[in-house]
Amino acid sequence: MDVNQLEYLTIPKLPYREVTFEALGSYRGRSRQLRVQLFALDSRPNCPLVTDSDGNSSGALLCEGQGGGKDLTELLLFSGQSQPIFLKNPVLDQAVRGGTLYLGARILEGQLAADEWVKISSIRFRGRL
């Protein structure tokens, strides 16, 4: 994603722990399923912004290779179905304490055509002190 997922949250700088990430993952495409790896980065990667056929930003960056991200989980998404995502990882603790989290997704199995998409939505963070 091309924006810091924590940018608009007013999170006090406190020693959070046991941070959880909840969201919905969805996929729209012709393949029956898509296996996707989610990873976290602590800075915005220097990659080109993806645009749709009308030239509008899709909110995603297109990067090659690893890009220095930290692996969070793998998802198996089925076309037309939303799937809950629940993550608990020390990487999230560090991101929330620092106030910066960029999420990335890498397709491990399946393909996306130009008119297809993967979407992570309804993102929520919770943590303990």
C-alpha atoms as a PDB file:
ATOM      1  CA  MET A   1       0.000   0.000   0.000  1.00  0.00           C
ATOM      2  CA  ASP A   2       1.256   3.482  -0.706  1.00  0.00           C
ATOM      3  CA  VAL A   3       0.259   5.057   2.631  1.00  0.00           C
ATOM      4  CA  ASN A   4       1.383   4.568   6.200  1.00  0.00           C
ATOM      5  CA  GLN A   5      -1.433   2.524   7.755  1.00  0.00           C
ATOM      6  CA  LEU A   6      -0.907   4.306  11.086  1.00  0.00           C
ATOM      7  CA  GLU A   7      -0.669   7.861   9.715  1.00  0.00           C
ATOM      8  CA  TYR A   8      -4.221   8.948  10.537  1.00  0.00           C
ATOM      9  CA  LEU A   9      -4.418   7.260  13.935  1.00  0.00           C
ATOM     10  CA  THR A  10      -3.603   9.339  16.991  1.00  0.00           C
ATOM     11  CA  ILE A  11      -1.625   6.732  18.891  1.00  0.00           C
ATOM     12  CA  PRO A  12       0.325   7.991  21.920  1.00  0.00           C
ATOM     13  CA  LYS A  13       3.996   6.966  21.987  1.00  0.00           C
ATOM     14  CA  LEU A  14       3.688   4.222  24.618  1.00  0.00           C
ATOM     15  CA  PRO A  15       5.327   0.775  24.970  1.00  0.00           C
ATOM     16  CA  TYR A  16       2.540  -1.246  23.321  1.00  0.00           C
ATOM     17  CA  ARG A  17       2.762  -5.021  23.254  1.00  0.00           C
ATOM     18  CA  GLU A  18       0.623  -7.840  21.977  1.00  0.00           C
ATOM     19  CA  VAL A  19      -0.651  -5.659  19.149  1.00  0.00           C
ATOM     20  CA  THR A  20      -3.218  -7.390  16.968  1.00  0.00           C
ATOM     21  CA  PHE A  21      -4.207  -6.521  13.424  1.00  0.00           C
ATOM     22  CA  GLU A  22      -7.703  -7.310  12.195  1.00  0.00           C
ATOM     23  CA  ALA A  23      -8.923  -6.747   8.642  1.00  0.00           C
ATOM     24  CA  LEU A  24     -10.822  -8.254   5.751  1.00  0.00           C
ATOM     25  CA  GLY A  25      -9.043  -9.677   2.737  1.00  0.00           C
ATOM     26  CA  SER A  26     -10.806 -10.047  -0.581  1.00  0.00           C
ATOM     27  CA  TYR A  27      -9.875 -10.962  -4.110  1.00  0.00           C
ATOM     28  CA  ARG A  28     -11.713 -10.440  -7.387  1.00  0.00           C
ATOM     29  CA  GLY A  29     -10.433 -12.331 -10.394  1.00  0.00           C
ATOM     30  CA  ARG A  30     -10.760 -15.250 -12.730  1.00  0.00           C
ATOM     31  CA  SER A  31      -8.492 -17.666 -10.842  1.00  0.00           C
ATOM     32  CA  ARG A  32     -10.373 -19.795  -8.340  1.00  0.00           C
ATOM     33  CA  GLN A  33      -7.914 -18.976  -5.579  1.00  0.00           C
ATOM     34  CA  LEU A  34      -4.900 -16.836  -4.854  1.00  0.00           C
ATOM     35  CA  ARG A  35      -2.183 -17.505  -2.265  1.00  0.00           C
ATOM     36  CA  VAL A  36      -0.806 -14.208  -0.981  1.00  0.00           C
ATOM     37  CA  GLN A  37       1.993 -13.382   1.463  1.00  0.00           C
ATOM     38  CA  LEU A  38       1.479 -10.286   3.641  1.00  0.00           C
ATOM     39  CA  PHE A  39       4.534  -8.450   4.898  1.00  0.00           C
ATOM     40  CA  ALA A  40       5.325  -5.262   6.802  1.00  0.00           C
ATOM     41  CA  LEU A  41       7.775  -2.458   6.071  1.00  0.00           C
ATOM     42  CA  ASP A  42       8.784   0.430   8.326  1.00  0.00           C
ATOM     43  CA  SER A  43       9.245   2.919   5.475  1.00  0.00           C
ATOM     44  CA  ARG A  44       7.593   3.580   2.135  1.00  0.00           C
ATOM     45  CA  PRO A  45       9.431   1.647  -0.566  1.00  0.00           C
ATOM     46  CA  ASN A  46      10.673   3.555  -3.600  1.00  0.00           C
ATOM     47  CA  CYS A  47       8.483   1.775  -6.170  1.00  0.00           C
ATOM     48  CA  PRO A  48       6.127   3.033  -8.884  1.00  0.00           C
ATOM     49  CA  LEU A  49       2.490   3.718  -8.031  1.00  0.00           C
ATOM     50  CA  VAL A  50      -0.022   1.449  -9.794  1.00  0.00           C
ATOM     51  CA  THR A  51      -2.718   3.199 -11.808  1.00  0.00           C
ATOM     52  CA  ASP A  52      -5.921   1.882 -13.347  1.00  0.00           C
ATOM     53  CA  SER A  53      -6.856   2.197 -17.029  1.00  0.00           C
ATOM     54  CA  ASP A  54      -8.238   5.705 -16.383  1.00  0.00           C
ATOM     55  CA  GLY A  55      -4.919   6.826 -14.869  1.00  0.00           C
ATOM     56  CA  ASN A  56      -6.260   6.976 -11.294  1.00  0.00           C
ATOM     57  CA  SER A  57      -4.109   5.757  -8.397  1.00  0.00           C
ATOM     58  CA  SER A  58      -5.113   2.392  -6.969  1.00  0.00           C
ATOM     59  CA  GLY A  59      -3.358   3.013  -3.645  1.00  0.00           C
ATOM     60  CA  ALA A  60      -0.730   0.367  -4.329  1.00  0.00           C
ATOM     61  CA  LEU A  61       2.929   0.332  -5.232  1.00  0.00           C
ATOM     62  CA  LEU A  62       4.402  -2.205  -7.644  1.00  0.00           C
ATOM     63  CA  CYS A  63       7.736  -3.453  -6.308  1.00  0.00           C
ATOM     64  CA  GLU A  64      10.110  -6.150  -7.502  1.00  0.00           C
ATOM     65  CA  GLY A  65      11.766  -8.640  -5.138  1.00  0.00           C
ATOM     66  CA  GLN A  66      11.700  -8.729  -1.342  1.00  0.00           C
ATOM     67  CA  GLY A  67      11.975  -4.998  -0.693  1.00  0.00           C
ATOM     68  CA  GLY A  68      13.162  -5.497   2.895  1.00  0.00           C
ATOM     69  CA  GLY A  69       9.746  -6.394   4.296  1.00  0.00           C
ATOM     70  CA  LYS A  70       9.138  -8.644   7.302  1.00  0.00           C
ATOM     71  CA  ASP A  71       6.871 -11.640   6.700  1.00  0.00           C
ATOM     72  CA  LEU A  72       3.565 -11.519   8.606  1.00  0.00           C
ATOM     73  CA  THR A  73       1.448 -14.371   7.206  1.00  0.00           C
ATOM     74  CA  GLU A  74       0.120 -16.136   4.134  1.00  0.00           C
ATOM     75  CA  LEU A  75      -3.513 -15.974   3.025  1.00  0.00           C
ATOM     76  CA  LEU A  76      -5.523 -18.192   0.732  1.00  0.00           C
ATOM     77  CA  LEU A  77      -8.128 -15.979  -0.941  1.00  0.00           C
ATOM     78  CA  PHE A  78     -11.044 -17.185  -3.051  1.00  0.00           C
ATOM     79  CA  SER A  79     -12.541 -14.976  -5.746  1.00  0.00           C
ATOM     80  CA  GLY A  80     -15.625 -13.069  -4.629  1.00  0.00           C
ATOM     81  CA  GLN A  81     -15.314 -13.998  -0.946  1.00  0.00           C
ATOM     82  CA  SER A  82     -14.111 -11.869   1.971  1.00  0.00           C
ATOM     83  CA  GLN A  83     -11.884 -13.522   4.530  1.00  0.00           C
ATOM     84  CA  PRO A  84     -11.104 -12.250   8.027  1.00  0.00           C
ATOM     85  CA  ILE A  85      -7.429 -11.638   8.755  1.00  0.00           C
ATOM     86  CA  PHE A  86      -6.131 -11.750  12.325  1.00  0.00           C
ATOM     87  CA  LEU A  87      -2.420 -11.178  13.001  1.00  0.00           C
ATOM     88  CA  LYS A  88      -0.342 -10.989  16.155  1.00  0.00           C
ATOM     89  CA  ASN A  89       3.360 -10.436  15.546  1.00  0.00           C
ATOM     90  CA  PRO A  90       6.223  -8.561  17.278  1.00  0.00           C
ATOM     91  CA  VAL A  91       6.683  -6.630  14.017  1.00  0.00           C
ATOM     92  CA  LEU A  92       3.282  -5.034  14.652  1.00  0.00           C
ATOM     93  CA  ASP A  93       4.295  -4.084  18.216  1.00  0.00           C
ATOM     94  CA  GLN A  94       7.350  -2.283  16.866  1.00  0.00           C
ATOM     95  CA  ALA A  95       5.376  -0.589  14.070  1.00  0.00           C
ATOM     96  CA  VAL A  96       2.712   0.798  16.413  1.00  0.00           C
ATOM     97  CA  ARG A  97       5.347   2.051  18.879  1.00  0.00           C
ATOM     98  CA  GLY A  98       7.153   3.783  15.993  1.00  0.00           C
ATOM     99  CA  GLY A  99       3.981   5.019  14.273  1.00  0.00           C
ATOM    100  CA  THR A 100       4.871   3.675  10.820  1.00  0.00           C
ATOM    101  CA  LEU A 101       3.543   0.605   9.002  1.00  0.00           C
ATOM    102  CA  TYR A 102       3.382  -0.059   5.291  1.00  0.00           C
ATOM    103  CA  LEU A 103       1.679  -3.292   4.273  1.00  0.00           C
ATOM    104  CA  GLY A 104       2.782  -5.297   1.278  1.00  0.00           C
ATOM    105  CA  ALA A 105       1.366  -8.298  -0.515  1.00  0.00           C
ATOM    106  CA  ARG A 106       3.173 -10.765  -2.748  1.00  0.00           C
ATOM    107  CA  ILE A 107       1.331 -13.277  -4.919  1.00  0.00           C
ATOM    108  CA  LEU A 108       2.772 -16.732  -4.311  1.00  0.00           C
ATOM    109  CA  GLU A 109       0.254 -18.788  -6.257  1.00  0.00           C
ATOM    110  CA  GLY A 110      -2.225 -17.719  -8.939  1.00  0.00           C
ATOM    111  CA  GLN A 111      -2.227 -14.668 -11.184  1.00  0.00           C
ATOM    112  CA  LEU A 112      -3.808 -11.247 -11.361  1.00  0.00           C
ATOM    113  CA  ALA A 113      -4.828  -9.678 -14.663  1.00  0.00           C
ATOM    114  CA  ALA A 114      -4.868  -5.903 -15.078  1.00  0.00           C
ATOM    115  CA  ASP A 115      -8.583  -5.664 -14.210  1.00  0.00           C
ATOM    116  CA  GLU A 116      -8.371  -7.902 -11.099  1.00  0.00           C
ATOM    117  CA  TRP A 117      -7.480  -6.953  -7.517  1.00  0.00           C
ATOM    118  CA  VAL A 118      -6.648  -7.954  -3.954  1.00  0.00           C
ATOM    119  CA  LYS A 119      -8.001  -5.653  -1.253  1.00  0.00           C
ATOM    120  CA  ILE A 120      -7.228  -5.396   2.462  1.00  0.00           C
ATOM    121  CA  SER A 121      -9.957  -3.341   4.139  1.00  0.00           C
ATOM    122  CA  SER A 122     -11.555  -2.566   7.517  1.00  0.00           C
ATOM    123  CA  ILE A 123      -8.138  -2.473   9.184  1.00  0.00           C
ATOM    124  CA  ARG A 124      -8.134  -2.268  12.999  1.00  0.00           C
ATOM    125  CA  PHE A 125      -5.286  -2.385  15.493  1.00  0.00           C
ATOM    126  CA  ARG A 126      -5.516  -3.276  19.178  1.00  0.00           C
ATOM    127  CA  GLY A 127      -2.766  -3.414  21.763  1.00  0.00           C
ATOM    128  CA  ARG A 128      -1.933  -3.753  25.420  1.00  0.00           C
ATOM    129  CA  LEU A 129       0.298  -1.667  27.646  1.00  0.00           C
END
